[in-house]
Amino acid sequence: MKSEVNEVDKSTLVMRLERYQKDVDQLKCQLNSYTCEPRTHSLFERFESLKSGLETLSATNLEIIQNLKEKKKAVDSYMESAKEQFAKFHQLQQNVEEYVIGARNC
């Protein structure tokens, strides 16, 4: 019974991470829009930082997803990493939204 619950938790976590991965990809596309091109040095630095953060988040997300799908490890070992990913995603999402507003108003 515990094995079945663990598999359900694992598949739920994988689905959430995959959904967040799609959202990360959308944020990347949003940043690459011509309306978000940096026009000042500070915007350029912020743009590069956000882009780097999204790339790192994406790579880590994909690694966790792959590990959960392939390995027989318990979902508990990845739960903390996934929580950190969700928190980082929400922070990056907020930062991208602030950047987009600032870049469009510049």
C-alpha atoms as a PDB file:
ATOM      1  CA  MET A   1       0.000   0.000   0.000  1.00  0.00           C
ATOM      2  CA  LYS A   2       2.810   2.421   0.882  1.00  0.00           C
ATOM      3  CA  SER A   3       4.440   1.748  -2.495  1.00  0.00           C
ATOM      4  CA  GLU A   4       1.244   2.753  -4.301  1.00  0.00           C
ATOM      5  CA  VAL A   5       0.971   5.967  -2.294  1.00  0.00           C
ATOM      6  CA  ASN A   6       4.607   6.736  -3.035  1.00  0.00           C
ATOM      7  CA  GLU A   7       4.019   6.237  -6.781  1.00  0.00           C
ATOM      8  CA  VAL A   8       0.994   8.559  -6.686  1.00  0.00           C
ATOM      9  CA  ASP A   9       3.051  11.202  -4.852  1.00  0.00           C
ATOM     10  CA  LYS A  10       5.853  10.774  -7.355  1.00  0.00           C
ATOM     11  CA  SER A  11       3.610  11.135 -10.397  1.00  0.00           C
ATOM     12  CA  THR A  12       1.875  14.159  -8.856  1.00  0.00           C
ATOM     13  CA  LEU A  13       5.214  15.788  -8.154  1.00  0.00           C
ATOM     14  CA  VAL A  14       6.443  15.049 -11.680  1.00  0.00           C
ATOM     15  CA  MET A  15       3.264  16.563 -13.151  1.00  0.00           C
ATOM     16  CA  ARG A  16       3.644  19.722 -11.060  1.00  0.00           C
ATOM     17  CA  LEU A  17       7.292  20.067 -12.017  1.00  0.00           C
ATOM     18  CA  GLU A  18       6.464  19.570 -15.700  1.00  0.00           C
ATOM     19  CA  ARG A  19       3.755  22.223 -15.450  1.00  0.00           C
ATOM     20  CA  TYR A  20       6.217  24.609 -13.828  1.00  0.00           C
ATOM     21  CA  GLN A  21       8.714  23.777 -16.576  1.00  0.00           C
ATOM     22  CA  LYS A  22       6.205  24.946 -19.176  1.00  0.00           C
ATOM     23  CA  ASP A  23       5.700  28.144 -17.174  1.00  0.00           C
ATOM     24  CA  VAL A  24       9.487  28.677 -17.048  1.00  0.00           C
ATOM     25  CA  ASP A  25       9.599  28.287 -20.826  1.00  0.00           C
ATOM     26  CA  GLN A  26       6.831  30.882 -21.179  1.00  0.00           C
ATOM     27  CA  LEU A  27       8.765  33.299 -18.961  1.00  0.00           C
ATOM     28  CA  LYS A  28      11.829  32.797 -21.174  1.00  0.00           C
ATOM     29  CA  CYS A  29       9.748  33.596 -24.251  1.00  0.00           C
ATOM     30  CA  GLN A  30       8.311  36.650 -22.546  1.00  0.00           C
ATOM     31  CA  LEU A  31      11.809  37.910 -21.732  1.00  0.00           C
ATOM     32  CA  ASN A  32      12.950  37.335 -25.312  1.00  0.00           C
ATOM     33  CA  SER A  33      10.135  39.488 -26.673  1.00  0.00           C
ATOM     34  CA  TYR A  34      11.313  42.598 -28.500  1.00  0.00           C
ATOM     35  CA  THR A  35       9.230  44.735 -26.119  1.00  0.00           C
ATOM     36  CA  CYS A  36      11.421  43.575 -23.244  1.00  0.00           C
ATOM     37  CA  GLU A  37      14.791  44.401 -24.771  1.00  0.00           C
ATOM     38  CA  PRO A  38      16.960  46.203 -22.233  1.00  0.00           C
ATOM     39  CA  ARG A  39      17.571  49.845 -23.084  1.00  0.00           C
ATOM     40  CA  THR A  40      19.865  50.763 -20.205  1.00  0.00           C
ATOM     41  CA  HIS A  41      22.878  49.147 -18.606  1.00  0.00           C
ATOM     42  CA  SER A  42      20.995  48.378 -15.384  1.00  0.00           C
ATOM     43  CA  LEU A  43      18.150  46.784 -17.350  1.00  0.00           C
ATOM     44  CA  PHE A  44      20.689  44.746 -19.315  1.00  0.00           C
ATOM     45  CA  GLU A  45      22.271  43.446 -16.088  1.00  0.00           C
ATOM     46  CA  ARG A  46      18.863  42.610 -14.653  1.00  0.00           C
ATOM     47  CA  PHE A  47      17.853  40.930 -17.927  1.00  0.00           C
ATOM     48  CA  GLU A  48      20.982  38.761 -17.923  1.00  0.00           C
ATOM     49  CA  SER A  49      20.460  37.852 -14.270  1.00  0.00           C
ATOM     50  CA  LEU A  50      16.849  36.817 -14.892  1.00  0.00           C
ATOM     51  CA  LYS A  51      17.809  34.867 -17.988  1.00  0.00           C
ATOM     52  CA  SER A  52      20.538  33.048 -16.077  1.00  0.00           C
ATOM     53  CA  GLY A  53      18.176  32.331 -13.182  1.00  0.00           C
ATOM     54  CA  LEU A  54      15.568  30.883 -15.527  1.00  0.00           C
ATOM     55  CA  GLU A  55      18.170  28.692 -17.243  1.00  0.00           C
ATOM     56  CA  THR A  56      19.410  27.370 -13.900  1.00  0.00           C
ATOM     57  CA  LEU A  57      15.866  26.759 -12.673  1.00  0.00           C
ATOM     58  CA  SER A  58      14.999  24.976 -15.900  1.00  0.00           C
ATOM     59  CA  ALA A  59      18.063  22.724 -15.761  1.00  0.00           C
ATOM     60  CA  THR A  60      17.455  21.803 -12.123  1.00  0.00           C
ATOM     61  CA  ASN A  61      13.774  21.173 -12.819  1.00  0.00           C
ATOM     62  CA  LEU A  62      14.571  18.843 -15.699  1.00  0.00           C
ATOM     63  CA  GLU A  63      17.144  17.002 -13.594  1.00  0.00           C
ATOM     64  CA  ILE A  64      14.659  16.408 -10.773  1.00  0.00           C
ATOM     65  CA  ILE A  65      11.983  15.283 -13.239  1.00  0.00           C
ATOM     66  CA  GLN A  66      14.386  12.886 -14.925  1.00  0.00           C
ATOM     67  CA  ASN A  67      15.554  11.455 -11.596  1.00  0.00           C
ATOM     68  CA  LEU A  68      12.004  10.944 -10.387  1.00  0.00           C
ATOM     69  CA  LYS A  69      11.029   9.189 -13.613  1.00  0.00           C
ATOM     70  CA  GLU A  70      14.073   6.944 -13.904  1.00  0.00           C
ATOM     71  CA  LYS A  71      15.248   6.072 -10.437  1.00  0.00           C
ATOM     72  CA  LYS A  72      13.584   3.964  -7.831  1.00  0.00           C
ATOM     73  CA  LYS A  73      14.308   6.513  -5.106  1.00  0.00           C
ATOM     74  CA  ALA A  74      11.508   7.535  -2.816  1.00  0.00           C
ATOM     75  CA  VAL A  75       9.766  10.775  -3.573  1.00  0.00           C
ATOM     76  CA  ASP A  76      10.679  12.009  -0.091  1.00  0.00           C
ATOM     77  CA  SER A  77      14.296  12.460  -1.149  1.00  0.00           C
ATOM     78  CA  TYR A  78      13.206  14.984  -3.813  1.00  0.00           C
ATOM     79  CA  MET A  79      10.388  16.700  -1.945  1.00  0.00           C
ATOM     80  CA  GLU A  80      12.618  19.374  -0.392  1.00  0.00           C
ATOM     81  CA  SER A  81      14.310  20.068  -3.729  1.00  0.00           C
ATOM     82  CA  ALA A  82      10.936  20.417  -5.396  1.00  0.00           C
ATOM     83  CA  LYS A  83       9.729  22.840  -2.710  1.00  0.00           C
ATOM     84  CA  GLU A  84      12.848  24.944  -3.274  1.00  0.00           C
ATOM     85  CA  GLN A  85      12.168  24.867  -7.029  1.00  0.00           C
ATOM     86  CA  PHE A  86       8.603  26.091  -6.521  1.00  0.00           C
ATOM     87  CA  ALA A  87       9.793  28.935  -4.275  1.00  0.00           C
ATOM     88  CA  LYS A  88      12.513  29.934  -6.761  1.00  0.00           C
ATOM     89  CA  PHE A  89      10.004  29.824  -9.600  1.00  0.00           C
ATOM     90  CA  HIS A  90       7.573  32.129  -7.831  1.00  0.00           C
ATOM     91  CA  GLN A  91      10.364  34.584  -7.003  1.00  0.00           C
ATOM     92  CA  LEU A  92      11.679  34.565 -10.573  1.00  0.00           C
ATOM     93  CA  GLN A  93       8.173  34.948 -11.950  1.00  0.00           C
ATOM     94  CA  GLN A  94       7.646  38.028  -9.813  1.00  0.00           C
ATOM     95  CA  ASN A  95      11.044  39.442 -10.827  1.00  0.00           C
ATOM     96  CA  VAL A  96      10.325  38.872 -14.531  1.00  0.00           C
ATOM     97  CA  GLU A  97       6.968  40.623 -14.218  1.00  0.00           C
ATOM     98  CA  GLU A  98       8.647  43.604 -12.512  1.00  0.00           C
ATOM     99  CA  TYR A  99      11.348  43.682 -15.201  1.00  0.00           C
ATOM    100  CA  VAL A 100       8.802  43.559 -18.032  1.00  0.00           C
ATOM    101  CA  ILE A 101       6.883  46.492 -16.565  1.00  0.00           C
ATOM    102  CA  GLY A 102      10.112  48.457 -16.097  1.00  0.00           C
ATOM    103  CA  ALA A 103      11.420  47.652 -19.575  1.00  0.00           C
ATOM    104  CA  ARG A 104       8.179  48.683 -21.248  1.00  0.00           C
ATOM    105  CA  ASN A 105       8.026  51.951 -19.333  1.00  0.00           C
ATOM    106  CA  CYS A 106      11.626  52.881 -20.127  1.00  0.00           C
END
